[in-house]
Amino acid sequence: MLIDISQEVFSCRVYPGDPAPERERLQCLEHGDACNLTAFSMCAHNGTHVDAPFHFFQDGDTVGEMGLVPFVGPCYVARHAGDVTAQDAHAILARAGDCKRLLLAGDLTVTAGAAAVFADAGLWLLGNESQTVGPETAPRHVHLLLLGARTVLLEGIVLAGVAEGRYFLSAAPLHLGGCDGAPCRAYLMTGEDWHEA
């Protein structure tokens, strides 16, 4: 089974202060044009998106330099509510086993203590449902801990109704050379499907 965990772009949640996505219909069949043609503008961190290390590190990898490995492969979805503490992070990692991609489901905040645990564990990717990892009003320190350890971030995913457990993740970002982040179409496959894919 395929499970779409992406937000629709033009109705997506937007981090406070970021510009919202906009679209413009350049051509329209209803007006006698040869085709429908749309242009759009958006922040690289709107909706479901990834953060590259360059987001917080001048010498960090950009989206175009990260490759696809962190974004495609087995992952573990863990459910939690409230602050994720260092102790919680250890428990989540124990449940996740050898998975290097971890998605956190629920209304939660990754604390600096948890971020340090996840960074030390060598995760390739950490995802959550919020538009930012860490406290919304002060996310910088958590980003520095994770991106500094080359753990890329997948933010703004939609995991309502997704049970805790193992899945196959595809969340490849758009290949935006030189950028600090990029939107993506993220989805999960259940075990039976991704062995057949």
C-alpha atoms as a PDB file:
ATOM      1  CA  MET A   1       0.000   0.000   0.000  1.00  0.00           C
ATOM      2  CA  LEU A   2       1.191   3.525  -0.801  1.00  0.00           C
ATOM      3  CA  ILE A   3       0.655   6.182   1.883  1.00  0.00           C
ATOM      4  CA  ASP A   4       0.986   9.811   0.809  1.00  0.00           C
ATOM      5  CA  ILE A   5       2.539  11.813   3.660  1.00  0.00           C
ATOM      6  CA  SER A   6       2.835  15.131   1.805  1.00  0.00           C
ATOM      7  CA  GLN A   7       0.923  18.374   2.178  1.00  0.00           C
ATOM      8  CA  GLU A   8      -0.776  19.901  -0.853  1.00  0.00           C
ATOM      9  CA  VAL A   9       1.436  22.841  -1.753  1.00  0.00           C
ATOM     10  CA  PHE A  10      -0.994  25.746  -2.215  1.00  0.00           C
ATOM     11  CA  SER A  11      -2.958  24.991   0.959  1.00  0.00           C
ATOM     12  CA  CYS A  12       0.066  23.974   3.032  1.00  0.00           C
ATOM     13  CA  ARG A  13       1.081  25.156   6.463  1.00  0.00           C
ATOM     14  CA  VAL A  14       3.703  27.913   6.319  1.00  0.00           C
ATOM     15  CA  TYR A  15       6.376  28.612   8.917  1.00  0.00           C
ATOM     16  CA  PRO A  16       5.744  32.036  10.499  1.00  0.00           C
ATOM     17  CA  GLY A  17       7.397  34.742   8.414  1.00  0.00           C
ATOM     18  CA  ASP A  18       7.969  32.597   5.304  1.00  0.00           C
ATOM     19  CA  PRO A  19       6.163  33.573   2.090  1.00  0.00           C
ATOM     20  CA  ALA A  20       3.249  31.351   1.128  1.00  0.00           C
ATOM     21  CA  PRO A  21       3.160  29.547  -2.233  1.00  0.00           C
ATOM     22  CA  GLU A  22       1.433  31.433  -5.060  1.00  0.00           C
ATOM     23  CA  ARG A  23       0.373  30.346  -8.528  1.00  0.00           C
ATOM     24  CA  GLU A  24      -0.459  32.199 -11.724  1.00  0.00           C
ATOM     25  CA  ARG A  25      -2.333  30.781 -14.705  1.00  0.00           C
ATOM     26  CA  LEU A  26      -0.308  31.909 -17.725  1.00  0.00           C
ATOM     27  CA  GLN A  27      -2.482  30.193 -20.319  1.00  0.00           C
ATOM     28  CA  CYS A  28      -5.973  28.739 -20.058  1.00  0.00           C
ATOM     29  CA  LEU A  29      -7.938  26.454 -22.383  1.00  0.00           C
ATOM     30  CA  GLU A  30     -11.190  28.108 -21.248  1.00  0.00           C
ATOM     31  CA  HIS A  31      -9.862  31.435 -22.606  1.00  0.00           C
ATOM     32  CA  GLY A  32      -8.936  29.960 -25.977  1.00  0.00           C
ATOM     33  CA  ASP A  33      -5.245  29.336 -25.305  1.00  0.00           C
ATOM     34  CA  ALA A  34      -3.489  26.282 -26.714  1.00  0.00           C
ATOM     35  CA  CYS A  35      -3.081  24.702 -23.260  1.00  0.00           C
ATOM     36  CA  ASN A  36      -3.294  25.271 -19.534  1.00  0.00           C
ATOM     37  CA  LEU A  37       0.022  26.641 -18.257  1.00  0.00           C
ATOM     38  CA  THR A  38       0.834  27.523 -14.648  1.00  0.00           C
ATOM     39  CA  ALA A  39       3.716  29.410 -13.068  1.00  0.00           C
ATOM     40  CA  PHE A  40       4.296  29.356  -9.327  1.00  0.00           C
ATOM     41  CA  SER A  41       6.557  30.776  -6.652  1.00  0.00           C
ATOM     42  CA  MET A  42       7.274  29.382  -3.211  1.00  0.00           C
ATOM     43  CA  CYS A  43       9.781  29.257  -0.391  1.00  0.00           C
ATOM     44  CA  ALA A  44      12.030  26.190  -0.460  1.00  0.00           C
ATOM     45  CA  HIS A  45      10.739  25.388   3.037  1.00  0.00           C
ATOM     46  CA  ASN A  46       6.987  25.495   2.334  1.00  0.00           C
ATOM     47  CA  GLY A  47       4.818  22.436   2.893  1.00  0.00           C
ATOM     48  CA  THR A  48       6.539  19.049   2.990  1.00  0.00           C
ATOM     49  CA  HIS A  49      10.218  19.797   2.452  1.00  0.00           C
ATOM     50  CA  VAL A  50      13.774  18.895   3.333  1.00  0.00           C
ATOM     51  CA  ASP A  51      16.454  20.949   5.051  1.00  0.00           C
ATOM     52  CA  ALA A  52      20.001  20.600   3.753  1.00  0.00           C
ATOM     53  CA  PRO A  53      23.005  21.332   6.005  1.00  0.00           C
ATOM     54  CA  PHE A  54      23.551  24.560   3.999  1.00  0.00           C
ATOM     55  CA  HIS A  55      20.374  25.870   5.668  1.00  0.00           C
ATOM     56  CA  PHE A  56      22.455  26.600   8.798  1.00  0.00           C
ATOM     57  CA  PHE A  57      26.076  25.987   7.717  1.00  0.00           C
ATOM     58  CA  GLN A  58      27.784  28.124   5.069  1.00  0.00           C
ATOM     59  CA  ASP A  59      30.041  25.226   4.100  1.00  0.00           C
ATOM     60  CA  GLY A  60      27.319  22.571   4.454  1.00  0.00           C
ATOM     61  CA  ASP A  61      25.960  20.465   1.613  1.00  0.00           C
ATOM     62  CA  THR A  62      23.251  22.040  -0.517  1.00  0.00           C
ATOM     63  CA  VAL A  63      20.230  20.097  -1.761  1.00  0.00           C
ATOM     64  CA  GLY A  64      22.011  19.348  -5.021  1.00  0.00           C
ATOM     65  CA  GLU A  65      25.027  17.938  -3.165  1.00  0.00           C
ATOM     66  CA  MET A  66      23.220  15.594  -0.778  1.00  0.00           C
ATOM     67  CA  GLY A  67      22.390  12.753  -3.156  1.00  0.00           C
ATOM     68  CA  LEU A  68      19.323  10.548  -2.765  1.00  0.00           C
ATOM     69  CA  VAL A  69      20.438   7.931  -0.213  1.00  0.00           C
ATOM     70  CA  PRO A  70      19.151   9.740   2.908  1.00  0.00           C
ATOM     71  CA  PHE A  71      15.687  10.162   1.381  1.00  0.00           C
ATOM     72  CA  VAL A  72      14.914   6.749  -0.113  1.00  0.00           C
ATOM     73  CA  GLY A  73      14.908   3.465   1.780  1.00  0.00           C
ATOM     74  CA  PRO A  74      13.682   1.691   4.916  1.00  0.00           C
ATOM     75  CA  CYS A  75      12.436   3.945   7.709  1.00  0.00           C
ATOM     76  CA  TYR A  76      10.768   3.710  11.092  1.00  0.00           C
ATOM     77  CA  VAL A  77       7.701   5.731  12.114  1.00  0.00           C
ATOM     78  CA  ALA A  78       7.531   6.388  15.873  1.00  0.00           C
ATOM     79  CA  ARG A  79       4.535   7.974  17.571  1.00  0.00           C
ATOM     80  CA  HIS A  80       4.986  10.443  20.438  1.00  0.00           C
ATOM     81  CA  ALA A  81       3.223  13.375  22.089  1.00  0.00           C
ATOM     82  CA  GLY A  82       4.792  16.377  23.793  1.00  0.00           C
ATOM     83  CA  ASP A  83       8.496  17.049  24.233  1.00  0.00           C
ATOM     84  CA  VAL A  84      10.852  14.354  22.985  1.00  0.00           C
ATOM     85  CA  THR A  85      13.507  14.135  25.699  1.00  0.00           C
ATOM     86  CA  ALA A  86      16.893  12.439  25.510  1.00  0.00           C
ATOM     87  CA  GLN A  87      15.399   9.469  27.376  1.00  0.00           C
ATOM     88  CA  ASP A  88      12.524   9.318  24.876  1.00  0.00           C
ATOM     89  CA  ALA A  89      15.001   9.478  21.993  1.00  0.00           C
ATOM     90  CA  HIS A  90      16.914   6.471  23.317  1.00  0.00           C
ATOM     91  CA  ALA A  91      13.656   4.516  23.659  1.00  0.00           C
ATOM     92  CA  ILE A  92      12.569   5.460  20.124  1.00  0.00           C
ATOM     93  CA  LEU A  93      15.932   4.422  18.676  1.00  0.00           C
ATOM     94  CA  ALA A  94      15.680   1.079  20.478  1.00  0.00           C
ATOM     95  CA  ARG A  95      12.305   0.461  18.807  1.00  0.00           C
ATOM     96  CA  ALA A  96      13.632   1.602  15.422  1.00  0.00           C
ATOM     97  CA  GLY A  97      16.513  -0.873  15.516  1.00  0.00           C
ATOM     98  CA  ASP A  98      18.924  -0.464  12.619  1.00  0.00           C
ATOM     99  CA  CYS A  99      16.807   2.046  10.639  1.00  0.00           C
ATOM    100  CA  LYS A 100      18.795   5.155   9.684  1.00  0.00           C
ATOM    101  CA  ARG A 101      15.659   7.090   8.674  1.00  0.00           C
ATOM    102  CA  LEU A 102      13.292   8.040  11.495  1.00  0.00           C
ATOM    103  CA  LEU A 103       9.923   9.782  11.193  1.00  0.00           C
ATOM    104  CA  LEU A 104       8.294  11.191  14.329  1.00  0.00           C
ATOM    105  CA  ALA A 105       4.492  11.250  14.309  1.00  0.00           C
ATOM    106  CA  GLY A 106       2.304  13.348  16.566  1.00  0.00           C
ATOM    107  CA  ASP A 107       2.118  16.759  18.178  1.00  0.00           C
ATOM    108  CA  LEU A 108       5.676  16.863  19.489  1.00  0.00           C
ATOM    109  CA  THR A 109       8.788  18.961  19.861  1.00  0.00           C
ATOM    110  CA  VAL A 110      12.316  17.603  19.462  1.00  0.00           C
ATOM    111  CA  THR A 111      14.358  18.976  22.373  1.00  0.00           C
ATOM    112  CA  ALA A 112      18.074  19.716  22.192  1.00  0.00           C
ATOM    113  CA  GLY A 113      18.712  16.662  24.368  1.00  0.00           C
ATOM    114  CA  ALA A 114      16.853  14.411  21.940  1.00  0.00           C
ATOM    115  CA  ALA A 115      18.546  16.035  18.951  1.00  0.00           C
ATOM    116  CA  ALA A 116      21.948  15.262  20.456  1.00  0.00           C
ATOM    117  CA  VAL A 117      20.959  11.599  20.920  1.00  0.00           C
ATOM    118  CA  PHE A 118      19.653  11.335  17.357  1.00  0.00           C
ATOM    119  CA  ALA A 119      22.782  13.043  15.995  1.00  0.00           C
ATOM    120  CA  ASP A 120      25.077  10.717  17.943  1.00  0.00           C
ATOM    121  CA  ALA A 121      23.146   7.731  16.571  1.00  0.00           C
ATOM    122  CA  GLY A 122      24.210   8.653  13.040  1.00  0.00           C
ATOM    123  CA  LEU A 123      20.706   8.991  11.611  1.00  0.00           C
ATOM    124  CA  TRP A 124      20.651   9.823   7.917  1.00  0.00           C
ATOM    125  CA  LEU A 125      17.232  11.505   8.122  1.00  0.00           C
ATOM    126  CA  LEU A 126      14.884  12.735  10.830  1.00  0.00           C
ATOM    127  CA  GLY A 127      11.334  13.750   9.930  1.00  0.00           C
ATOM    128  CA  ASN A 128       8.457  15.312  11.827  1.00  0.00           C
ATOM    129  CA  GLU A 129       5.015  16.774  11.226  1.00  0.00           C
ATOM    130  CA  SER A 130       5.826  20.321  12.316  1.00  0.00           C
ATOM    131  CA  GLN A 131       7.115  22.880   9.810  1.00  0.00           C
ATOM    132  CA  THR A 132      10.376  22.883  11.779  1.00  0.00           C
ATOM    133  CA  VAL A 133      12.347  20.464  13.931  1.00  0.00           C
ATOM    134  CA  GLY A 134      12.735  21.819  17.441  1.00  0.00           C
ATOM    135  CA  PRO A 135      10.735  24.519  19.218  1.00  0.00           C
ATOM    136  CA  GLU A 136       8.956  26.697  16.647  1.00  0.00           C
ATOM    137  CA  THR A 137      10.020  29.893  18.382  1.00  0.00           C
ATOM    138  CA  ALA A 138      13.686  28.864  18.703  1.00  0.00           C
ATOM    139  CA  PRO A 139      14.604  26.007  16.336  1.00  0.00           C
ATOM    140  CA  ARG A 140      18.221  27.019  15.609  1.00  0.00           C
ATOM    141  CA  HIS A 141      20.057  24.920  18.217  1.00  0.00           C
ATOM    142  CA  VAL A 142      18.240  21.700  17.299  1.00  0.00           C
ATOM    143  CA  HIS A 143      18.976  22.328  13.616  1.00  0.00           C
ATOM    144  CA  LEU A 144      22.649  22.928  14.362  1.00  0.00           C
ATOM    145  CA  LEU A 145      22.934  19.667  16.286  1.00  0.00           C
ATOM    146  CA  LEU A 146      21.269  17.559  13.591  1.00  0.00           C
ATOM    147  CA  LEU A 147      22.458  19.224  10.401  1.00  0.00           C
ATOM    148  CA  GLY A 148      25.946  19.527  11.907  1.00  0.00           C
ATOM    149  CA  ALA A 149      25.956  15.734  12.205  1.00  0.00           C
ATOM    150  CA  ARG A 150      24.781  15.464   8.561  1.00  0.00           C
ATOM    151  CA  THR A 151      21.327  14.262   9.618  1.00  0.00           C
ATOM    152  CA  VAL A 152      19.048  15.798   6.994  1.00  0.00           C
ATOM    153  CA  LEU A 153      15.591  16.946   8.015  1.00  0.00           C
ATOM    154  CA  LEU A 154      12.209  16.142   6.492  1.00  0.00           C
ATOM    155  CA  GLU A 155       9.682  18.639   7.817  1.00  0.00           C
ATOM    156  CA  GLY A 156       5.951  19.122   7.371  1.00  0.00           C
ATOM    157  CA  ILE A 157       5.051  15.482   6.758  1.00  0.00           C
ATOM    158  CA  VAL A 158       1.518  14.205   7.413  1.00  0.00           C
ATOM    159  CA  LEU A 159       1.379  11.042   9.510  1.00  0.00           C
ATOM    160  CA  ALA A 160      -2.210  11.087  10.806  1.00  0.00           C
ATOM    161  CA  GLY A 161      -3.454   7.521  10.798  1.00  0.00           C
ATOM    162  CA  VAL A 162      -0.016   6.025  10.106  1.00  0.00           C
ATOM    163  CA  ALA A 163       0.729   3.267  12.618  1.00  0.00           C
ATOM    164  CA  GLU A 164       4.094   3.015  14.320  1.00  0.00           C
ATOM    165  CA  GLY A 165       6.403   0.588  12.553  1.00  0.00           C
ATOM    166  CA  ARG A 166       8.687  -0.035   9.586  1.00  0.00           C
ATOM    167  CA  TYR A 167       8.022   1.308   6.097  1.00  0.00           C
ATOM    168  CA  PHE A 168       9.875   2.158   2.907  1.00  0.00           C
ATOM    169  CA  LEU A 169      10.250   5.929   2.473  1.00  0.00           C
ATOM    170  CA  SER A 170      10.543   7.918  -0.726  1.00  0.00           C
ATOM    171  CA  ALA A 171      11.040  11.634  -0.063  1.00  0.00           C
ATOM    172  CA  ALA A 172      13.495  12.779  -2.711  1.00  0.00           C
ATOM    173  CA  PRO A 173      13.714  16.582  -2.854  1.00  0.00           C
ATOM    174  CA  LEU A 174      13.579  18.546  -6.084  1.00  0.00           C
ATOM    175  CA  HIS A 175      17.090  18.877  -7.495  1.00  0.00           C
ATOM    176  CA  LEU A 176      17.544  22.566  -6.699  1.00  0.00           C
ATOM    177  CA  GLY A 177      21.250  23.208  -7.149  1.00  0.00           C
ATOM    178  CA  GLY A 178      22.777  25.535  -4.580  1.00  0.00           C
ATOM    179  CA  CYS A 179      19.665  25.654  -2.370  1.00  0.00           C
ATOM    180  CA  ASP A 180      19.326  25.195   1.401  1.00  0.00           C
ATOM    181  CA  GLY A 181      16.089  23.212   1.146  1.00  0.00           C
ATOM    182  CA  ALA A 182      13.556  21.883  -1.304  1.00  0.00           C
ATOM    183  CA  PRO A 183       9.964  20.667  -1.459  1.00  0.00           C
ATOM    184  CA  CYS A 184       9.369  16.967  -2.003  1.00  0.00           C
ATOM    185  CA  ARG A 185       6.529  14.498  -2.564  1.00  0.00           C
ATOM    186  CA  ALA A 186       6.975  12.118   0.340  1.00  0.00           C
ATOM    187  CA  TYR A 187       5.261   8.757   0.595  1.00  0.00           C
ATOM    188  CA  LEU A 188       5.535   5.458   2.436  1.00  0.00           C
ATOM    189  CA  MET A 189       5.190   1.921   1.150  1.00  0.00           C
ATOM    190  CA  THR A 190       4.237  -0.979   3.386  1.00  0.00           C
ATOM    191  CA  GLY A 191       6.618  -3.889   3.627  1.00  0.00           C
ATOM    192  CA  GLU A 192       4.851  -6.171   1.188  1.00  0.00           C
ATOM    193  CA  ASP A 193       4.793  -3.519  -1.539  1.00  0.00           C
ATOM    194  CA  TRP A 194       8.381  -2.345  -1.306  1.00  0.00           C
ATOM    195  CA  HIS A 195       9.751  -5.868  -1.540  1.00  0.00           C
ATOM    196  CA  GLU A 196       7.866  -6.209  -4.814  1.00  0.00           C
ATOM    197  CA  ALA A 197       8.723  -2.731  -6.167  1.00  0.00           C
END
